[in-house]
Amino acid sequence: MVLVRRGVVDVDVDRVGAGPPVVLLGSIAGGRRVWDPVADALLDRYRVLTLDLHGHGATPPWPGDRPQTLSDQVRLVHAVTAGSSERLGLVGHSFGGAVAMRAAVELGERVRALVLVEPTPFALLTRAGHDDLFDAVCASRDRLRAELAAGRPDEAAREFTDHWLGPGVWDGLSAERRAAVLKGLRPRLAEFDAVTDPGLTLAEVATADAPTLLIHSRDSRAPVRALVDVLGEARPDWERAALPGAGQWAPLTGADELTPTIGAFLDRHLRR
């Protein structure tokens, strides 16, 4: 672990390997550790920077003085890539994918390859006419907020996990994984604010010129599947890859499929 400090921004980041930089962004239970299989596969030819976003690892939680935005999380990416003009790769999963999308727009031509694993800028659903699916996402957010406010974190964790990953998943988690989910609940609320911001537009997250790979799984929740289609229609130039067995926790449950897919795309665009 390295705690990077740039001005008022602190970032918990791992740095391994050597070569062109690749930034890994994710936000599921376990923090940056979930990227270990991918990082291990890349470190022989890339300098891999694995970040913990706000509220994960030693990166401070979002202060909550106003609703979080994606750009607030992108400040962490700026902090660990500042002072260099190197071209880089960005890889993001779930909420980390939404952050990576915004980071690619802000970093512009510095980003040579962008990999998105089921990104979740859910506000784009309502702009594409999927009001029912967006409402379902907001309802999940509101249930989480209500359970935490009522002092029922265990119930909140069970409902949240089973809603997004499938009935009974919570009961099958190890004690260690359950503890990680519980720890991540409050950061999740702030992240929900960022991806359900009604002002969020395609222009803010889907206008980067970098070659982009959009990875998805056929067994994810309906809002995630619909959002992948929305992004694919908006950016037909993006490559798409379906990994049938990956699921919503792809870096953990689908690492065997995910790792070579990410590596091959980075090799084509970042090492040339």
Protein backbone atom coordinates (compact mmCIF):
# COMPACT_ATOMS: atom_id res chain seq x y z
CA MET A 1 0.00 0.00 0.00
CA VAL A 2 1.11 3.53 -0.81
CA LEU A 3 -0.86 6.54 0.37
CA VAL A 4 -0.44 9.15 -2.36
CA ARG A 5 -1.10 12.73 -1.34
CA ARG A 6 -1.76 15.50 -3.86
CA GLY A 7 -2.98 18.69 -2.22
CA VAL A 8 -6.02 17.70 -0.18
CA VAL A 9 -6.48 14.34 -1.94
CA ASP A 10 -5.22 11.08 -0.36
CA VAL A 11 -5.31 7.88 -2.39
CA ASP A 12 -4.57 4.31 -1.29
CA VAL A 13 -2.86 2.66 -4.27
CA ASP A 14 -0.78 -0.42 -5.05
CA ARG A 15 1.98 -0.16 -7.65
CA VAL A 16 3.45 -3.30 -9.19
CA GLY A 17 5.30 -4.19 -12.36
CA ALA A 18 7.04 -2.07 -14.97
CA GLY A 19 6.08 -0.65 -18.34
CA PRO A 20 3.23 1.56 -19.56
CA PRO A 21 0.86 2.46 -16.72
CA VAL A 22 -2.51 0.73 -16.33
CA VAL A 23 -4.98 2.05 -13.74
CA LEU A 24 -7.46 -0.44 -12.28
CA LEU A 25 -10.65 0.94 -10.74
CA GLY A 26 -13.34 -1.03 -8.96
CA SER A 27 -15.81 -0.75 -6.13
CA ILE A 28 -17.07 -4.09 -4.90
CA ALA A 29 -16.61 -5.82 -1.57
CA GLY A 30 -12.92 -6.25 -0.87
CA GLY A 31 -11.67 -3.03 -2.47
CA ARG A 32 -8.65 -3.13 -4.75
CA ARG A 33 -7.73 -6.69 -3.68
CA VAL A 34 -10.36 -8.04 -6.07
CA TRP A 35 -8.09 -6.98 -8.94
CA ASP A 36 -5.20 -9.18 -7.79
CA PRO A 37 -5.64 -11.87 -10.51
CA VAL A 38 -5.71 -9.22 -13.25
CA ALA A 39 -2.79 -7.27 -11.77
CA ASP A 40 -0.71 -10.45 -11.45
CA ALA A 41 -1.30 -11.23 -15.12
CA LEU A 42 -0.29 -7.73 -16.26
CA LEU A 43 2.70 -6.88 -14.07
CA ASP A 44 5.25 -8.56 -16.36
CA ARG A 45 4.68 -5.85 -19.00
CA TYR A 46 2.76 -3.01 -17.35
CA ARG A 47 3.08 -0.77 -14.32
CA VAL A 48 -0.21 -1.56 -12.62
CA LEU A 49 -1.79 1.05 -10.35
CA THR A 50 -4.72 -0.38 -8.38
CA LEU A 51 -6.71 2.31 -6.60
CA ASP A 52 -9.11 2.23 -3.69
CA LEU A 53 -11.87 4.77 -4.30
CA HIS A 54 -13.34 6.96 -1.56
CA GLY A 55 -14.25 4.97 1.53
CA HIS A 56 -12.33 1.84 0.53
CA GLY A 57 -8.97 0.78 1.92
CA ALA A 58 -7.13 3.77 3.39
CA THR A 59 -8.60 6.26 0.90
CA PRO A 60 -10.72 8.60 3.04
CA PRO A 61 -14.51 8.35 2.75
CA TRP A 62 -16.45 10.93 0.84
CA PRO A 63 -17.13 13.76 3.36
CA GLY A 64 -20.81 13.95 2.51
CA ASP A 65 -21.06 17.73 2.50
CA ARG A 66 -22.74 17.46 -0.92
CA PRO A 67 -23.69 14.62 -3.29
CA GLN A 68 -20.70 12.89 -4.82
CA THR A 69 -20.05 13.14 -8.57
CA LEU A 70 -17.95 10.97 -10.84
CA SER A 71 -15.45 13.82 -11.20
CA ASP A 72 -14.92 13.73 -7.44
CA GLN A 73 -13.63 10.18 -7.78
CA VAL A 74 -11.62 11.05 -10.90
CA ARG A 75 -9.58 13.42 -8.75
CA LEU A 76 -8.01 10.27 -7.27
CA VAL A 77 -6.96 9.16 -10.76
CA HIS A 78 -5.47 12.58 -11.44
CA ALA A 79 -3.55 12.35 -8.16
CA VAL A 80 -1.78 9.09 -9.03
CA THR A 81 -1.08 10.03 -12.67
CA ALA A 82 0.00 13.66 -12.12
CA GLY A 83 3.45 14.79 -13.17
CA SER A 84 3.67 12.45 -16.14
CA SER A 85 2.73 12.67 -19.79
CA GLU A 86 2.78 8.90 -20.30
CA ARG A 87 -0.03 7.33 -22.28
CA LEU A 88 -1.97 4.94 -20.09
CA GLY A 89 -4.71 2.34 -19.92
CA LEU A 90 -7.82 2.58 -17.76
CA VAL A 91 -9.75 -0.48 -16.60
CA GLY A 92 -12.93 -0.09 -14.56
CA HIS A 93 -15.56 -2.46 -13.20
CA SER A 94 -19.09 -1.55 -12.08
CA PHE A 95 -18.93 1.84 -10.33
CA GLY A 96 -15.21 1.88 -11.12
CA GLY A 97 -16.21 1.56 -14.78
CA ALA A 98 -18.34 4.69 -14.53
CA VAL A 99 -15.39 6.50 -12.93
CA ALA A 100 -13.09 5.23 -15.69
CA MET A 101 -15.48 6.58 -18.34
CA ARG A 102 -15.37 10.04 -16.82
CA ALA A 103 -11.61 9.83 -16.27
CA ALA A 104 -11.08 9.01 -19.95
CA VAL A 105 -13.00 12.15 -20.92
CA GLU A 106 -10.99 14.32 -18.53
CA LEU A 107 -7.59 12.81 -19.37
CA GLY A 108 -8.24 12.98 -23.10
CA GLU A 109 -5.42 11.88 -25.38
CA ARG A 110 -3.39 10.46 -22.49
CA VAL A 111 -5.72 7.45 -22.45
CA ARG A 112 -4.72 4.97 -25.14
CA ALA A 113 -6.95 2.07 -24.04
CA LEU A 114 -10.17 1.97 -22.00
CA VAL A 115 -11.71 -1.27 -20.69
CA LEU A 116 -15.17 -1.12 -19.13
CA VAL A 117 -16.57 -4.12 -17.30
CA GLU A 118 -20.31 -3.53 -16.90
CA PRO A 119 -20.01 0.18 -15.98
CA THR A 120 -22.90 1.69 -14.04
CA PRO A 121 -23.68 5.34 -14.96
CA PHE A 122 -27.33 4.47 -14.33
CA ALA A 123 -28.69 7.97 -14.94
CA LEU A 124 -28.25 7.31 -18.66
CA LEU A 125 -31.05 4.74 -18.49
CA THR A 126 -33.77 7.33 -18.07
CA ARG A 127 -32.33 9.41 -20.92
CA ALA A 128 -32.73 6.34 -23.13
CA GLY A 129 -36.35 5.76 -22.08
CA HIS A 130 -35.70 3.03 -19.49
CA ASP A 131 -37.46 4.89 -16.68
CA ASP A 132 -38.65 1.67 -15.04
CA LEU A 133 -35.14 0.29 -14.75
CA PHE A 134 -33.75 3.57 -13.47
CA ASP A 135 -36.54 3.69 -10.88
CA ALA A 136 -35.57 0.17 -9.76
CA VAL A 137 -31.98 1.29 -9.23
CA CYS A 138 -33.13 4.31 -7.23
CA ALA A 139 -35.42 2.09 -5.16
CA SER A 140 -32.46 -0.15 -4.27
CA ARG A 141 -30.48 2.95 -3.30
CA ASP A 142 -33.34 4.24 -1.13
CA ARG A 143 -33.83 0.88 0.61
CA LEU A 144 -30.13 0.80 1.45
CA ARG A 145 -30.28 4.32 2.84
CA ALA A 146 -33.37 3.53 4.93
CA GLU A 147 -31.93 0.32 6.41
CA LEU A 148 -28.69 2.05 7.38
CA ALA A 149 -30.55 5.00 8.88
CA ALA A 150 -32.62 2.55 10.95
CA GLY A 151 -29.47 0.89 12.29
CA ARG A 152 -29.96 -2.41 10.43
CA PRO A 153 -26.69 -2.89 8.50
CA ASP A 154 -26.98 -6.68 8.38
CA GLU A 155 -30.44 -6.49 6.82
CA ALA A 156 -29.18 -3.81 4.43
CA ALA A 157 -26.24 -5.98 3.36
CA ARG A 158 -28.43 -9.04 2.80
CA GLU A 159 -31.03 -7.15 0.76
CA PHE A 160 -28.44 -5.30 -1.31
CA THR A 161 -26.37 -8.39 -2.06
CA ASP A 162 -29.31 -10.63 -2.95
CA HIS A 163 -30.91 -7.90 -5.08
CA TRP A 164 -27.84 -7.32 -7.24
CA LEU A 165 -26.27 -10.78 -7.23
CA GLY A 166 -29.25 -13.11 -6.86
CA PRO A 167 -31.43 -14.62 -4.12
CA GLY A 168 -29.49 -16.48 -1.46
CA VAL A 169 -26.06 -15.14 -2.39
CA TRP A 170 -25.63 -13.44 0.98
CA ASP A 171 -26.12 -16.74 2.83
CA GLY A 172 -23.36 -18.31 0.76
CA LEU A 173 -20.73 -15.65 1.45
CA SER A 174 -17.85 -16.30 3.80
CA ALA A 175 -17.59 -14.33 7.03
CA GLU A 176 -14.68 -12.38 5.51
CA ARG A 177 -16.67 -11.46 2.40
CA ARG A 178 -19.71 -10.46 4.48
CA ALA A 179 -17.52 -8.17 6.58
CA ALA A 180 -16.20 -6.53 3.40
CA VAL A 181 -19.72 -5.97 2.09
CA LEU A 182 -20.81 -4.42 5.40
CA LYS A 183 -17.81 -2.10 5.42
CA GLY A 184 -18.61 -0.91 1.92
CA LEU A 185 -22.28 -0.04 2.44
CA ARG A 186 -21.88 3.63 3.35
CA PRO A 187 -19.42 4.38 0.53
CA ARG A 188 -21.94 2.68 -1.74
CA LEU A 189 -24.57 5.29 -0.88
CA ALA A 190 -22.28 8.11 -2.01
CA GLU A 191 -21.47 6.15 -5.18
CA PHE A 192 -25.18 5.75 -5.88
CA ASP A 193 -25.50 9.54 -5.77
CA ALA A 194 -22.82 9.85 -8.45
CA VAL A 195 -24.36 7.33 -10.87
CA THR A 196 -28.00 8.35 -10.35
CA ASP A 197 -27.32 12.08 -10.76
CA PRO A 198 -30.18 13.22 -13.05
CA GLY A 199 -27.84 15.75 -14.68
CA LEU A 200 -25.42 13.07 -15.92
CA THR A 201 -25.20 12.94 -19.73
CA LEU A 202 -23.53 10.79 -22.37
CA ALA A 203 -21.33 13.75 -23.23
CA GLU A 204 -19.78 13.60 -19.76
CA VAL A 205 -18.87 9.91 -19.84
CA ALA A 206 -18.92 8.54 -23.39
CA THR A 207 -17.07 11.02 -25.61
CA ALA A 208 -13.47 9.88 -25.14
CA ASP A 209 -11.57 9.01 -28.33
CA ALA A 210 -9.61 6.13 -26.78
CA PRO A 211 -10.13 2.62 -28.17
CA THR A 212 -12.66 1.07 -25.81
CA LEU A 213 -13.70 -2.46 -24.90
CA LEU A 214 -17.11 -2.93 -23.25
CA ILE A 215 -17.32 -6.25 -21.38
CA HIS A 216 -20.59 -7.68 -20.14
CA SER A 217 -22.19 -10.85 -18.83
CA ARG A 218 -25.53 -12.26 -19.92
CA ASP A 219 -26.61 -13.07 -16.37
CA SER A 220 -26.32 -9.59 -14.84
CA ARG A 221 -29.28 -7.61 -13.51
CA ALA A 222 -31.64 -6.00 -16.01
CA PRO A 223 -30.50 -2.39 -15.40
CA VAL A 224 -26.88 -3.37 -16.04
CA ARG A 225 -27.71 -5.30 -19.21
CA ALA A 226 -29.85 -2.44 -20.53
CA LEU A 227 -27.12 0.10 -19.78
CA VAL A 228 -24.57 -1.95 -21.72
CA ASP A 229 -26.95 -1.84 -24.70
CA VAL A 230 -27.46 1.92 -24.31
CA LEU A 231 -23.71 2.49 -24.34
CA GLY A 232 -23.22 0.12 -27.25
CA GLU A 233 -25.82 1.99 -29.31
CA ALA A 234 -24.32 5.37 -28.42
CA ARG A 235 -20.80 4.20 -29.27
CA PRO A 236 -20.97 1.58 -32.03
CA ASP A 237 -17.22 2.00 -32.48
CA TRP A 238 -16.58 0.41 -29.09
CA GLU A 239 -15.67 -3.25 -29.11
CA ARG A 240 -17.88 -5.57 -27.07
CA ALA A 241 -17.13 -8.89 -25.40
CA ALA A 242 -19.62 -11.17 -23.66
CA LEU A 243 -18.27 -13.34 -20.84
CA PRO A 244 -21.16 -15.68 -19.99
CA GLY A 245 -19.84 -16.87 -16.65
CA ALA A 246 -18.46 -13.62 -15.23
CA GLY A 247 -21.48 -12.20 -13.40
CA GLN A 248 -21.74 -8.93 -11.52
CA TRP A 249 -18.61 -9.64 -9.45
CA ALA A 250 -16.56 -10.34 -12.57
CA PRO A 251 -13.04 -9.66 -11.13
CA LEU A 252 -13.77 -12.34 -8.50
CA THR A 253 -16.14 -14.80 -10.15
CA GLY A 254 -14.96 -14.51 -13.74
CA ALA A 255 -11.24 -13.83 -13.43
CA ASP A 256 -10.28 -16.75 -15.68
CA GLU A 257 -12.29 -15.24 -18.55
CA LEU A 258 -11.73 -11.60 -17.71
CA THR A 259 -7.96 -11.55 -17.31
CA PRO A 260 -6.91 -12.71 -20.82
CA THR A 261 -9.60 -10.55 -22.43
CA ILE A 262 -8.31 -7.41 -20.72
CA GLY A 263 -4.68 -8.31 -21.34
CA ALA A 264 -5.17 -8.91 -25.06
CA PHE A 265 -6.96 -5.58 -25.55
CA LEU A 266 -4.30 -3.63 -23.65
CA ASP A 267 -1.54 -5.36 -25.60
CA ARG A 268 -3.13 -4.31 -28.91
CA HIS A 269 -3.54 -0.66 -28.02
CA LEU A 270 -1.15 0.30 -25.22
CA ARG A 271 2.07 -1.44 -26.26
CA ARG A 272 2.17 -0.43 -29.92
